[in-house]
Every structure is written in structure tokens, then in C-alpha cells.
Amino acid sequence: MFLGIPKRALIIVAILAGVGLIYVMGTDKRPSEGATGGGSSGCRVTVTADVLNVRAAPDPRAEIVGKFNQNAETAAQVEVQNGFRKIADNKWAKTEYLKPVNGATC
């Protein structure tokens, strides 16, 4: 026992925390992986929604190809169509849930 907490409970909490951390880190990066030229424009954005869907096209009915959690930061492009900002090739996110980071040229 450590501080009155059974060893088994500490192990379970540590495993759950590790899995949660890996999940959060992975979902923040997944939509922007493989972005070609995304950062060359100097445009970086932060997600303001709890969870933001990344779509294959600038259309609310387009296939969801990734997700960002709130406060995730990613490179983006200056191109905006139909209320969506281009994140990378075939990756678009609703502009109303993206806030340019300080100093970004979006």
C-alpha cells in the first residue's frame, strides 16, 4: 500500500491515465499528419470546439476523416471555402471553431 491506497488501484489508475494521454495526444495530431505545405503559409490555428470534425471536403455532409479535441493546435492553410478552412489535402475544418494563434498569418 502507498499512502493508504492499495497497489492494485494505483496500477489501474496509472494504466488508465496512460491510455487516456496516448488517446488525447494521438487525436490532436491525427488530422494534420501528412499535411503538405500546411505550415508554409504561417497559418496556425487553435480548436475552440469540444471536438471538431475534420472533413474530406469543404461541405458539412462530406466524410469525416479526423477529429481535433479542444485547444489542439495545428498548421492550416489560408484557403477558406464555404465556411471551411483547408488544413491539408482533403482535410477541412469549420472556420467558426478555429482561432488563429497569436502572430499567425491566416
C-alpha atoms as a PDB file:
ATOM      1  CA  MET A   1       0.000   0.000   0.000  1.00  0.00           C
ATOM      2  CA  PHE A   2       1.127   3.540  -0.835  1.00  0.00           C
ATOM      3  CA  LEU A   3      -0.419   6.385   1.162  1.00  0.00           C
ATOM      4  CA  GLY A   4      -3.199   4.042   2.174  1.00  0.00           C
ATOM      5  CA  ILE A   5      -4.118   3.214  -1.444  1.00  0.00           C
ATOM      6  CA  PRO A   6      -3.951  -0.448  -2.493  1.00  0.00           C
ATOM      7  CA  LYS A   7      -1.241  -1.268  -5.032  1.00  0.00           C
ATOM      8  CA  ARG A   8      -3.784  -2.746  -7.454  1.00  0.00           C
ATOM      9  CA  ALA A   9      -5.807   0.516  -7.520  1.00  0.00           C
ATOM     10  CA  LEU A  10      -2.657   2.565  -8.209  1.00  0.00           C
ATOM     11  CA  ILE A  11      -1.728   0.312 -11.141  1.00  0.00           C
ATOM     12  CA  ILE A  12      -5.216   0.580 -12.656  1.00  0.00           C
ATOM     13  CA  VAL A  13      -5.249   4.375 -12.315  1.00  0.00           C
ATOM     14  CA  ALA A  14      -1.774   4.629 -13.881  1.00  0.00           C
ATOM     15  CA  ILE A  15      -2.771   2.451 -16.845  1.00  0.00           C
ATOM     16  CA  LEU A  16      -5.976   4.410 -17.456  1.00  0.00           C
ATOM     17  CA  ALA A  17      -4.111   7.710 -17.255  1.00  0.00           C
ATOM     18  CA  GLY A  18      -1.502   6.453 -19.737  1.00  0.00           C
ATOM     19  CA  VAL A  19      -4.112   5.218 -22.214  1.00  0.00           C
ATOM     20  CA  GLY A  20      -6.036   8.488 -21.901  1.00  0.00           C
ATOM     21  CA  LEU A  21      -2.891  10.529 -22.519  1.00  0.00           C
ATOM     22  CA  ILE A  22      -1.972   8.477 -25.589  1.00  0.00           C
ATOM     23  CA  TYR A  23      -5.507   8.863 -26.957  1.00  0.00           C
ATOM     24  CA  VAL A  24      -5.601  12.632 -26.458  1.00  0.00           C
ATOM     25  CA  MET A  25      -2.148  13.141 -27.964  1.00  0.00           C
ATOM     26  CA  GLY A  26      -2.984  10.935 -30.933  1.00  0.00           C
ATOM     27  CA  THR A  27      -6.310  12.568 -31.808  1.00  0.00           C
ATOM     28  CA  ASP A  28      -4.803  16.055 -31.679  1.00  0.00           C
ATOM     29  CA  LYS A  29      -2.215  15.119 -34.271  1.00  0.00           C
ATOM     30  CA  ARG A  30      -4.060  12.659 -36.468  1.00  0.00           C
ATOM     31  CA  PRO A  31      -5.863  15.138 -38.787  1.00  0.00           C
ATOM     32  CA  SER A  32      -2.744  17.132 -39.533  1.00  0.00           C
ATOM     33  CA  GLU A  33      -0.408  14.193 -40.124  1.00  0.00           C
ATOM     34  CA  GLY A  34       0.965  14.198 -43.629  1.00  0.00           C
ATOM     35  CA  ALA A  35      -0.015  17.802 -44.205  1.00  0.00           C
ATOM     36  CA  THR A  36       1.910  19.015 -47.183  1.00  0.00           C
ATOM     37  CA  GLY A  37       2.692  22.683 -47.124  1.00  0.00           C
ATOM     38  CA  GLY A  38       0.278  23.331 -44.251  1.00  0.00           C
ATOM     39  CA  GLY A  39       2.794  25.295 -42.229  1.00  0.00           C
ATOM     40  CA  SER A  40       4.443  27.140 -45.099  1.00  0.00           C
ATOM     41  CA  SER A  41       1.773  29.856 -45.065  1.00  0.00           C
ATOM     42  CA  GLY A  42       2.484  30.762 -41.443  1.00  0.00           C
ATOM     43  CA  CYS A  43      -1.117  29.937 -40.558  1.00  0.00           C
ATOM     44  CA  ARG A  44      -1.599  28.103 -37.247  1.00  0.00           C
ATOM     45  CA  VAL A  45      -4.938  27.665 -35.545  1.00  0.00           C
ATOM     46  CA  THR A  46      -6.337  26.509 -32.214  1.00  0.00           C
ATOM     47  CA  VAL A  47      -9.567  24.498 -31.934  1.00  0.00           C
ATOM     48  CA  THR A  48     -12.322  26.154 -29.877  1.00  0.00           C
ATOM     49  CA  ALA A  49     -14.968  23.383 -30.133  1.00  0.00           C
ATOM     50  CA  ASP A  50     -15.070  20.485 -27.665  1.00  0.00           C
ATOM     51  CA  VAL A  51     -14.483  18.097 -30.584  1.00  0.00           C
ATOM     52  CA  LEU A  52     -14.066  19.343 -34.156  1.00  0.00           C
ATOM     53  CA  ASN A  53     -14.696  17.078 -37.131  1.00  0.00           C
ATOM     54  CA  VAL A  54     -12.216  17.286 -39.995  1.00  0.00           C
ATOM     55  CA  ARG A  55     -13.908  16.588 -43.326  1.00  0.00           C
ATOM     56  CA  ALA A  56     -12.702  15.389 -46.718  1.00  0.00           C
ATOM     57  CA  ALA A  57     -14.185  18.435 -48.471  1.00  0.00           C
ATOM     58  CA  PRO A  58     -15.487  21.905 -47.538  1.00  0.00           C
ATOM     59  CA  ASP A  59     -19.014  20.574 -47.100  1.00  0.00           C
ATOM     60  CA  PRO A  60     -20.877  19.740 -43.859  1.00  0.00           C
ATOM     61  CA  ARG A  61     -22.037  16.462 -45.443  1.00  0.00           C
ATOM     62  CA  ALA A  62     -18.534  15.368 -46.528  1.00  0.00           C
ATOM     63  CA  GLU A  63     -16.925  12.301 -44.969  1.00  0.00           C
ATOM     64  CA  ILE A  64     -15.302  12.803 -41.557  1.00  0.00           C
ATOM     65  CA  VAL A  65     -11.601  11.988 -41.934  1.00  0.00           C
ATOM     66  CA  GLY A  66     -10.347  13.049 -38.497  1.00  0.00           C
ATOM     67  CA  LYS A  67     -11.104  14.912 -35.297  1.00  0.00           C
ATOM     68  CA  PHE A  68      -9.452  17.543 -33.113  1.00  0.00           C
ATOM     69  CA  ASN A  69     -10.002  17.976 -29.391  1.00  0.00           C
ATOM     70  CA  GLN A  70     -10.488  21.417 -27.854  1.00  0.00           C
ATOM     71  CA  ASN A  71      -7.306  23.531 -27.621  1.00  0.00           C
ATOM     72  CA  ALA A  72      -5.483  21.390 -30.198  1.00  0.00           C
ATOM     73  CA  GLU A  73      -3.148  23.479 -32.349  1.00  0.00           C
ATOM     74  CA  THR A  74      -2.304  22.688 -35.959  1.00  0.00           C
ATOM     75  CA  ALA A  75      -0.892  24.178 -39.111  1.00  0.00           C
ATOM     76  CA  ALA A  76      -3.522  25.297 -41.601  1.00  0.00           C
ATOM     77  CA  GLN A  77      -3.701  26.981 -44.961  1.00  0.00           C
ATOM     78  CA  VAL A  78      -5.121  30.397 -45.783  1.00  0.00           C
ATOM     79  CA  GLU A  79      -7.663  28.892 -48.190  1.00  0.00           C
ATOM     80  CA  VAL A  80     -11.281  29.118 -46.978  1.00  0.00           C
ATOM     81  CA  GLN A  81     -14.292  27.770 -48.882  1.00  0.00           C
ATOM     82  CA  ASN A  82     -17.931  27.506 -47.843  1.00  0.00           C
ATOM     83  CA  GLY A  83     -17.046  28.357 -44.219  1.00  0.00           C
ATOM     84  CA  PHE A  84     -14.299  25.706 -44.005  1.00  0.00           C
ATOM     85  CA  ARG A  85     -10.533  26.269 -43.684  1.00  0.00           C
ATOM     86  CA  LYS A  86      -8.196  23.912 -45.511  1.00  0.00           C
ATOM     87  CA  ILE A  87      -5.970  22.065 -43.033  1.00  0.00           C
ATOM     88  CA  ALA A  88      -4.203  19.841 -45.583  1.00  0.00           C
ATOM     89  CA  ASP A  89      -5.020  17.958 -48.774  1.00  0.00           C
ATOM     90  CA  ASN A  90      -8.563  16.578 -48.405  1.00  0.00           C
ATOM     91  CA  LYS A  91      -8.808  17.895 -44.826  1.00  0.00           C
ATOM     92  CA  TRP A  92     -11.148  20.777 -43.998  1.00  0.00           C
ATOM     93  CA  ALA A  93     -12.498  22.154 -40.699  1.00  0.00           C
ATOM     94  CA  LYS A  94     -15.247  24.669 -39.944  1.00  0.00           C
ATOM     95  CA  THR A  95     -13.688  28.137 -39.558  1.00  0.00           C
ATOM     96  CA  GLU A  96     -16.066  29.186 -36.768  1.00  0.00           C
ATOM     97  CA  TYR A  97     -14.306  26.668 -34.483  1.00  0.00           C
ATOM     98  CA  LEU A  98     -10.744  27.649 -35.436  1.00  0.00           C
ATOM     99  CA  LYS A  99      -8.930  30.626 -33.909  1.00  0.00           C
ATOM    100  CA  PRO A 100      -5.605  31.804 -35.380  1.00  0.00           C
ATOM    101  CA  VAL A 101      -2.811  31.669 -32.807  1.00  0.00           C
ATOM    102  CA  ASN A 102      -1.048  34.913 -31.896  1.00  0.00           C
ATOM    103  CA  GLY A 103       1.214  36.039 -34.713  1.00  0.00           C
ATOM    104  CA  ALA A 104      -0.312  33.661 -37.288  1.00  0.00           C
ATOM    105  CA  THR A 105      -0.860  34.960 -40.806  1.00  0.00           C
ATOM    106  CA  CYS A 106      -4.188  33.345 -41.686  1.00  0.00           C
END
